[in-house]
N, C-alpha and C. Protein backbone atom coordinates (compact mmCIF):
# COMPACT_ATOMS: atom_id res chain seq x y z
N MET A 1 -5.23 3.45 -0.01
CA MET A 1 -5.39 3.36 -1.38
C MET A 1 -6.82 4.13 -1.85
N ALA A 2 -7.73 3.86 -0.93
CA ALA A 2 -9.14 4.35 -1.20
C ALA A 2 -9.12 6.02 -1.32
N LEU A 3 -8.10 6.49 -0.35
CA LEU A 3 -8.18 8.11 -0.31
C LEU A 3 -6.91 8.65 -0.92
N PHE A 4 -5.95 7.84 -0.99
CA PHE A 4 -4.65 8.58 -1.28
C PHE A 4 -3.88 7.85 -2.47
N GLY A 5 -4.49 6.95 -3.15
CA GLY A 5 -4.04 6.02 -4.24
C GLY A 5 -3.18 6.87 -5.31
N GLY A 6 -3.80 8.02 -5.69
CA GLY A 6 -3.13 8.82 -6.66
C GLY A 6 -2.28 9.93 -6.22
N THR A 7 -2.03 9.80 -5.01
CA THR A 7 -1.16 11.11 -4.42
C THR A 7 0.27 10.70 -4.33
N ARG A 8 1.16 11.51 -3.85
CA ARG A 8 2.50 11.32 -3.62
C ARG A 8 2.72 10.27 -2.72
N LEU A 9 1.85 9.99 -1.87
CA LEU A 9 2.18 8.95 -0.92
C LEU A 9 2.32 7.64 -1.37
N PHE A 10 1.67 7.31 -2.50
CA PHE A 10 1.77 5.96 -3.12
C PHE A 10 2.50 6.08 -4.56
N ALA A 11 3.28 7.13 -4.67
CA ALA A 11 3.90 7.39 -5.87
C ALA A 11 4.98 6.27 -6.16
N GLY A 12 5.73 5.80 -5.26
CA GLY A 12 6.61 4.64 -5.58
C GLY A 12 5.98 3.51 -5.88
N LEU A 13 5.01 3.20 -5.30
CA LEU A 13 3.93 1.85 -5.69
C LEU A 13 3.49 1.91 -6.98
N ASN A 14 2.82 3.27 -7.45
CA ASN A 14 2.27 3.52 -8.70
C ASN A 14 3.15 3.41 -9.80
N GLN A 15 4.49 3.80 -9.48
CA GLN A 15 5.48 3.71 -10.55
C GLN A 15 5.82 2.30 -10.76
N GLN A 16 5.89 1.44 -9.64
CA GLN A 16 6.28 0.00 -9.89
C GLN A 16 4.97 -0.73 -10.69
N VAL A 17 3.72 -0.29 -10.52
CA VAL A 17 2.69 -0.89 -11.17
C VAL A 17 2.64 -0.37 -12.54
N ASN A 18 2.84 0.95 -12.64
CA ASN A 18 2.91 1.47 -14.02
C ASN A 18 4.04 0.77 -15.04
N MET A 19 5.06 0.55 -14.44
CA MET A 19 6.19 -0.05 -15.23
C MET A 19 5.68 -1.50 -15.90
N ALA A 20 4.75 -2.29 -15.15
CA ALA A 20 4.28 -3.44 -15.57
C ALA A 20 3.44 -3.27 -16.89
N PHE A 21 2.69 -2.20 -16.96
CA PHE A 21 1.63 -1.89 -17.98
C PHE A 21 2.21 -0.92 -19.15
N TRP A 22 2.99 -0.02 -18.73
CA TRP A 22 3.44 1.15 -19.64
C TRP A 22 4.93 1.21 -19.51
N PRO A 23 5.65 0.53 -20.44
CA PRO A 23 7.13 0.50 -20.36
C PRO A 23 7.92 1.61 -20.03
N ALA A 24 7.23 2.74 -20.55
CA ALA A 24 8.03 4.03 -20.26
C ALA A 24 7.64 4.50 -18.74
N GLY A 25 6.68 3.74 -18.23
CA GLY A 25 6.52 4.23 -16.79
C GLY A 25 5.35 5.22 -16.59
N THR A 26 5.04 5.86 -17.70
CA THR A 26 4.15 6.99 -17.76
C THR A 26 2.71 6.54 -18.40
N ALA A 27 1.59 6.79 -17.67
CA ALA A 27 0.31 6.68 -18.40
C ALA A 27 -0.30 7.94 -18.83
N TYR A 28 -1.22 7.74 -19.76
CA TYR A 28 -1.87 9.03 -20.18
C TYR A 28 -3.00 9.42 -19.25
N PRO A 29 -3.43 10.69 -19.24
CA PRO A 29 -4.31 11.19 -18.36
C PRO A 29 -5.64 10.18 -18.27
N GLY A 30 -6.21 9.79 -19.15
CA GLY A 30 -7.29 8.89 -19.08
C GLY A 30 -7.07 7.66 -18.49
N GLN A 31 -5.91 7.00 -18.67
CA GLN A 31 -5.44 5.72 -17.96
C GLN A 31 -5.16 6.13 -16.46
N LEU A 32 -4.62 7.24 -15.99
CA LEU A 32 -4.49 7.70 -14.89
C LEU A 32 -5.69 7.85 -14.06
N GLN A 33 -6.70 8.39 -14.69
CA GLN A 33 -8.01 8.60 -14.03
C GLN A 33 -8.59 7.11 -13.81
N PHE A 34 -8.56 6.23 -14.75
CA PHE A 34 -8.94 4.90 -14.58
C PHE A 34 -8.13 4.26 -13.31
N GLN A 35 -6.91 4.35 -13.32
CA GLN A 35 -6.04 3.79 -12.24
C GLN A 35 -6.45 4.36 -10.91
N ASN A 36 -6.93 5.59 -10.83
CA ASN A 36 -7.15 6.17 -9.41
C ASN A 36 -8.42 5.67 -9.23
N TRP A 37 -9.37 5.36 -10.15
CA TRP A 37 -10.72 4.76 -9.89
C TRP A 37 -10.64 3.41 -9.35
N VAL A 38 -9.66 2.67 -10.03
CA VAL A 38 -9.44 1.14 -9.63
C VAL A 38 -8.89 1.16 -8.32
N TYR A 39 -7.58 1.98 -8.08
CA TYR A 39 -7.10 2.07 -6.66
C TYR A 39 -8.24 2.47 -5.42
N GLY A 40 -9.10 3.23 -5.87
CA GLY A 40 -10.23 3.80 -4.97
C GLY A 40 -11.07 2.57 -4.48
N VAL A 41 -11.59 2.00 -5.59
CA VAL A 41 -12.36 0.75 -5.21
C VAL A 41 -11.82 -0.37 -4.69
N TRP A 42 -10.50 -0.56 -5.08
CA TRP A 42 -9.55 -1.66 -4.56
C TRP A 42 -9.42 -1.38 -2.95
N GLY A 43 -8.99 -0.07 -2.69
CA GLY A 43 -8.60 0.45 -1.28
C GLY A 43 -10.04 0.28 -0.43
N ALA A 44 -11.10 0.49 -1.09
CA ALA A 44 -12.32 0.56 -0.20
C ALA A 44 -12.55 -0.89 0.11
N THR A 45 -12.50 -1.85 -0.84
CA THR A 45 -12.51 -3.34 -0.41
C THR A 45 -11.55 -3.83 0.47
N VAL A 46 -10.32 -3.50 0.39
CA VAL A 46 -9.45 -3.78 1.30
C VAL A 46 -9.75 -3.40 2.69
N ALA A 47 -10.09 -2.06 2.66
CA ALA A 47 -10.46 -1.48 4.09
C ALA A 47 -11.76 -2.20 4.64
N GLY A 48 -12.65 -2.53 3.85
CA GLY A 48 -13.92 -3.46 4.20
C GLY A 48 -13.45 -4.77 4.74
N PHE A 49 -12.49 -5.42 4.15
CA PHE A 49 -12.02 -6.77 4.50
C PHE A 49 -11.36 -6.71 5.80
N GLY A 50 -10.38 -5.49 5.99
CA GLY A 50 -9.75 -5.35 7.18
C GLY A 50 -10.61 -5.06 8.35
N LEU A 51 -11.65 -4.24 8.04
CA LEU A 51 -12.61 -4.08 9.27
C LEU A 51 -13.31 -5.27 9.49
N LEU A 52 -13.66 -6.05 8.72
CA LEU A 52 -14.28 -7.31 9.04
C LEU A 52 -13.56 -8.41 9.74
N ALA A 53 -12.27 -8.41 9.22
CA ALA A 53 -11.37 -9.18 9.97
C ALA A 53 -11.02 -8.68 11.42
N ALA A 54 -10.98 -7.52 11.68
CA ALA A 54 -10.88 -7.07 12.96
C ALA A 54 -12.04 -7.25 13.88
N PHE A 55 -13.22 -7.24 13.37
CA PHE A 55 -14.41 -7.70 14.10
C PHE A 55 -14.39 -9.05 14.43
N ILE A 56 -14.08 -9.85 13.51
CA ILE A 56 -13.96 -11.34 13.63
C ILE A 56 -12.84 -11.57 14.75
N ALA A 57 -11.66 -11.06 14.64
CA ALA A 57 -10.49 -11.38 15.52
C ALA A 57 -10.93 -10.91 16.78
N GLY A 58 -11.48 -9.69 17.02
CA GLY A 58 -11.98 -9.21 18.33
C GLY A 58 -13.10 -9.80 18.90
N ASN A 59 -13.82 -10.62 18.20
CA ASN A 59 -14.97 -11.30 18.69
C ASN A 59 -14.96 -12.86 18.74
N GLY A 60 -15.27 -13.41 17.68
CA GLY A 60 -15.28 -14.91 17.68
C GLY A 60 -14.05 -15.59 17.85
N PHE A 61 -12.75 -14.81 17.14
CA PHE A 61 -11.57 -15.44 17.27
C PHE A 61 -11.21 -15.42 18.75
N ALA A 62 -11.41 -14.23 19.29
CA ALA A 62 -10.82 -13.99 20.76
C ALA A 62 -11.48 -15.03 21.71
N ARG A 63 -12.72 -15.37 21.23
CA ARG A 63 -13.34 -16.47 22.07
C ARG A 63 -13.18 -17.92 21.75
N THR A 64 -12.03 -18.04 20.90
CA THR A 64 -11.72 -19.28 20.21
C THR A 64 -12.93 -20.11 19.69
N GLN A 65 -13.70 -19.42 18.81
CA GLN A 65 -14.78 -19.94 18.14
C GLN A 65 -14.27 -20.38 16.86
N ARG A 66 -14.31 -21.80 16.59
CA ARG A 66 -13.75 -22.24 15.35
C ARG A 66 -14.09 -21.57 14.07
N TRP A 67 -15.34 -21.19 13.93
CA TRP A 67 -15.88 -20.56 12.68
C TRP A 67 -15.09 -19.29 12.41
N ALA A 68 -14.62 -18.63 13.45
CA ALA A 68 -13.96 -17.45 13.33
C ALA A 68 -12.55 -17.73 12.77
N ARG A 69 -11.85 -18.59 13.45
CA ARG A 69 -10.65 -19.15 12.83
C ARG A 69 -10.62 -19.57 11.42
N ASP A 70 -11.53 -20.54 11.04
CA ASP A 70 -11.70 -20.98 9.77
C ASP A 70 -12.21 -19.98 8.79
N ALA A 71 -12.88 -18.86 9.21
CA ALA A 71 -13.45 -17.82 8.22
C ALA A 71 -11.99 -16.92 7.85
N LEU A 72 -11.33 -16.67 8.86
CA LEU A 72 -10.12 -15.75 8.62
C LEU A 72 -9.00 -16.55 7.70
N ALA A 73 -8.89 -17.88 7.99
CA ALA A 73 -8.18 -18.82 7.39
C ALA A 73 -8.43 -18.90 5.78
N ALA A 74 -9.76 -18.99 5.61
CA ALA A 74 -10.21 -19.32 4.13
C ALA A 74 -10.17 -18.01 3.46
N ALA A 75 -10.60 -16.91 4.13
CA ALA A 75 -10.66 -15.65 3.38
C ALA A 75 -9.18 -15.29 2.95
N LEU A 76 -8.19 -15.43 3.98
CA LEU A 76 -6.83 -15.16 3.69
C LEU A 76 -6.17 -15.93 2.46
N ALA A 77 -6.56 -17.16 2.61
CA ALA A 77 -6.08 -18.10 1.46
C ALA A 77 -6.79 -17.72 0.17
N LEU A 78 -8.06 -17.42 0.02
CA LEU A 78 -8.61 -17.16 -1.18
C LEU A 78 -8.11 -15.76 -1.68
N TRP A 79 -7.99 -14.78 -0.81
CA TRP A 79 -7.40 -13.50 -1.30
C TRP A 79 -6.04 -13.61 -1.83
N TYR A 80 -5.21 -14.37 -1.01
CA TYR A 80 -3.73 -14.33 -1.20
C TYR A 80 -3.64 -15.16 -2.60
N VAL A 81 -4.05 -16.36 -2.83
CA VAL A 81 -4.04 -17.14 -3.90
C VAL A 81 -4.55 -16.26 -5.24
N LEU A 82 -5.53 -15.65 -5.22
CA LEU A 82 -6.12 -15.24 -6.39
C LEU A 82 -5.46 -13.69 -6.74
N ASP A 83 -5.20 -13.00 -5.61
CA ASP A 83 -4.47 -11.77 -5.82
C ASP A 83 -3.13 -11.79 -6.31
N THR A 84 -2.45 -12.78 -5.63
CA THR A 84 -0.96 -12.97 -5.87
C THR A 84 -0.75 -13.46 -7.28
N ALA A 85 -1.70 -14.61 -7.80
CA ALA A 85 -1.64 -15.13 -9.04
C ALA A 85 -1.82 -14.07 -10.06
N ILE A 86 -2.96 -13.27 -9.84
CA ILE A 86 -3.18 -12.10 -10.82
C ILE A 86 -2.12 -11.35 -10.97
N SER A 87 -1.44 -10.85 -9.85
CA SER A 87 -0.35 -10.02 -9.82
C SER A 87 0.89 -10.63 -10.65
N LEU A 88 1.07 -11.86 -10.28
CA LEU A 88 2.39 -12.68 -10.93
C LEU A 88 2.11 -12.72 -12.50
N LEU A 89 0.75 -13.14 -12.85
CA LEU A 89 0.51 -13.16 -14.29
C LEU A 89 0.72 -11.82 -14.98
N SER A 90 0.42 -10.78 -14.31
CA SER A 90 0.30 -9.42 -14.89
C SER A 90 1.85 -8.66 -14.76
N HIS A 91 2.66 -9.40 -14.12
CA HIS A 91 3.87 -8.76 -13.93
C HIS A 91 4.18 -7.80 -12.95
N VAL A 92 3.27 -7.77 -11.90
CA VAL A 92 3.10 -6.69 -10.98
C VAL A 92 3.73 -7.31 -9.62
N TRP A 93 5.14 -7.55 -9.82
CA TRP A 93 5.75 -8.11 -8.62
C TRP A 93 5.73 -7.43 -7.26
N VAL A 94 5.74 -5.98 -7.39
CA VAL A 94 5.72 -5.35 -6.01
C VAL A 94 4.39 -5.72 -5.46
N ASN A 95 3.24 -5.87 -6.02
CA ASN A 95 1.95 -6.36 -5.35
C ASN A 95 2.01 -7.66 -4.88
N ALA A 96 2.72 -8.53 -5.64
CA ALA A 96 2.84 -10.01 -5.02
C ALA A 96 3.78 -9.88 -3.72
N ALA A 97 4.69 -9.11 -3.73
CA ALA A 97 5.67 -9.10 -2.57
C ALA A 97 4.96 -8.36 -1.42
N LEU A 98 4.13 -7.42 -1.68
CA LEU A 98 3.37 -6.79 -0.72
C LEU A 98 2.24 -7.70 -0.07
N ASN A 99 1.57 -8.58 -0.98
CA ASN A 99 0.69 -9.57 -0.50
C ASN A 99 1.25 -10.53 0.49
N THR A 100 2.43 -10.96 0.13
CA THR A 100 3.24 -11.82 0.97
C THR A 100 3.59 -11.24 2.30
N ALA A 101 4.04 -10.02 2.19
CA ALA A 101 4.25 -9.44 3.60
C ALA A 101 3.00 -9.28 4.38
N VAL A 102 1.93 -9.03 4.00
CA VAL A 102 0.53 -8.80 4.60
C VAL A 102 0.10 -10.16 4.99
N LEU A 103 0.24 -11.12 4.24
CA LEU A 103 -0.07 -12.44 4.57
C LEU A 103 0.68 -13.05 5.87
N ALA A 104 2.01 -12.72 5.93
CA ALA A 104 2.75 -12.99 7.09
C ALA A 104 2.21 -12.28 8.35
N LEU A 105 1.78 -11.14 8.24
CA LEU A 105 1.29 -10.56 9.49
C LEU A 105 0.14 -11.16 9.82
N PHE A 106 -0.78 -11.79 9.11
CA PHE A 106 -1.89 -12.50 9.50
C PHE A 106 -1.76 -13.86 9.98
N ILE A 107 -0.75 -14.64 9.18
CA ILE A 107 -0.55 -15.98 9.35
C ILE A 107 0.21 -16.31 10.64
N VAL A 108 1.17 -15.33 11.06
CA VAL A 108 1.94 -15.68 12.36
C VAL A 108 1.04 -15.93 13.60
N PRO A 109 0.17 -14.96 13.87
CA PRO A 109 -0.80 -15.13 14.81
C PRO A 109 -1.74 -16.18 14.57
N LEU A 110 -2.16 -16.33 13.57
CA LEU A 110 -3.04 -17.50 13.16
C LEU A 110 -2.61 -18.90 13.45
N ALA A 111 -1.14 -18.91 12.96
CA ALA A 111 -0.53 -20.29 13.05
C ALA A 111 -0.33 -20.48 14.59
N MET A 112 0.19 -19.38 15.35
CA MET A 112 0.54 -19.46 16.69
C MET A 112 -0.62 -19.99 17.64
N THR A 113 -1.81 -19.55 17.14
CA THR A 113 -3.10 -20.05 17.82
C THR A 113 -4.02 -20.94 17.37
N TRP A 114 -3.57 -21.61 16.28
CA TRP A 114 -4.42 -22.75 15.68
C TRP A 114 -4.65 -23.64 16.70
N THR A 115 -3.78 -24.28 17.53
CA THR A 115 -4.23 -25.44 18.35
C THR A 115 -5.16 -24.96 19.51
N ASP A 116 -5.23 -23.60 19.79
CA ASP A 116 -6.19 -23.15 20.78
C ASP A 116 -7.47 -23.34 20.37
N PHE A 117 -7.84 -23.68 19.25
CA PHE A 117 -9.22 -23.89 18.74
C PHE A 117 -9.56 -25.48 18.70
N ARG A 118 -8.70 -26.24 18.93
CA ARG A 118 -8.72 -27.78 19.12
C ARG A 118 -9.96 -28.01 19.98
N GLY A 119 -10.84 -28.89 19.56
CA GLY A 119 -11.93 -29.26 20.45
C GLY A 119 -13.02 -28.29 20.57
N ALA A 120 -12.73 -26.97 20.07
CA ALA A 120 -13.94 -25.95 20.11
C ALA A 120 -14.88 -26.28 18.91
N THR A 121 -16.13 -26.02 19.34
CA THR A 121 -17.13 -26.24 18.27
C THR A 121 -17.32 -25.07 17.42
N SER A 122 -18.35 -25.03 16.64
CA SER A 122 -18.55 -23.84 15.73
C SER A 122 -18.75 -22.63 16.52
N SER A 123 -19.59 -22.86 17.59
CA SER A 123 -20.06 -21.54 18.55
C SER A 123 -18.88 -21.20 19.43
N GLY A 124 -17.96 -22.06 19.57
CA GLY A 124 -16.93 -21.68 20.52
C GLY A 124 -17.04 -22.52 21.98
N ALA A 125 -18.03 -23.38 22.00
CA ALA A 125 -18.17 -24.04 23.30
C ALA A 125 -17.56 -25.34 23.11
N SER A 126 -16.72 -25.89 24.28
CA SER A 126 -15.81 -27.09 24.15
C SER A 126 -16.71 -28.40 24.57
């Protein structure tokens, strides 16, 4: 989204989002410019969160440090609830569905390893 949000690569998603705000599905040039900016900063934020999650998963989580599990779970919960609620209230169903798919990708490994952190302290020592 940060680099390609306004391109044909995201045309299908853009059209679904546009339908929620512009019934004809077509935005004016100024609206499209704003949309490209929003998608750019949104994409940059998501990329930053993804990189942070990867570092946490590859380090603290891999070492079964409870803080890493709790940080990932809390960040996912906060993101999912807020982003999905705003999407649903705005009638952007496609984003709510996409959020649910992304959440599932994180939740499955998180749930499957949850008990591995039993007895772990905040630093990972048992």
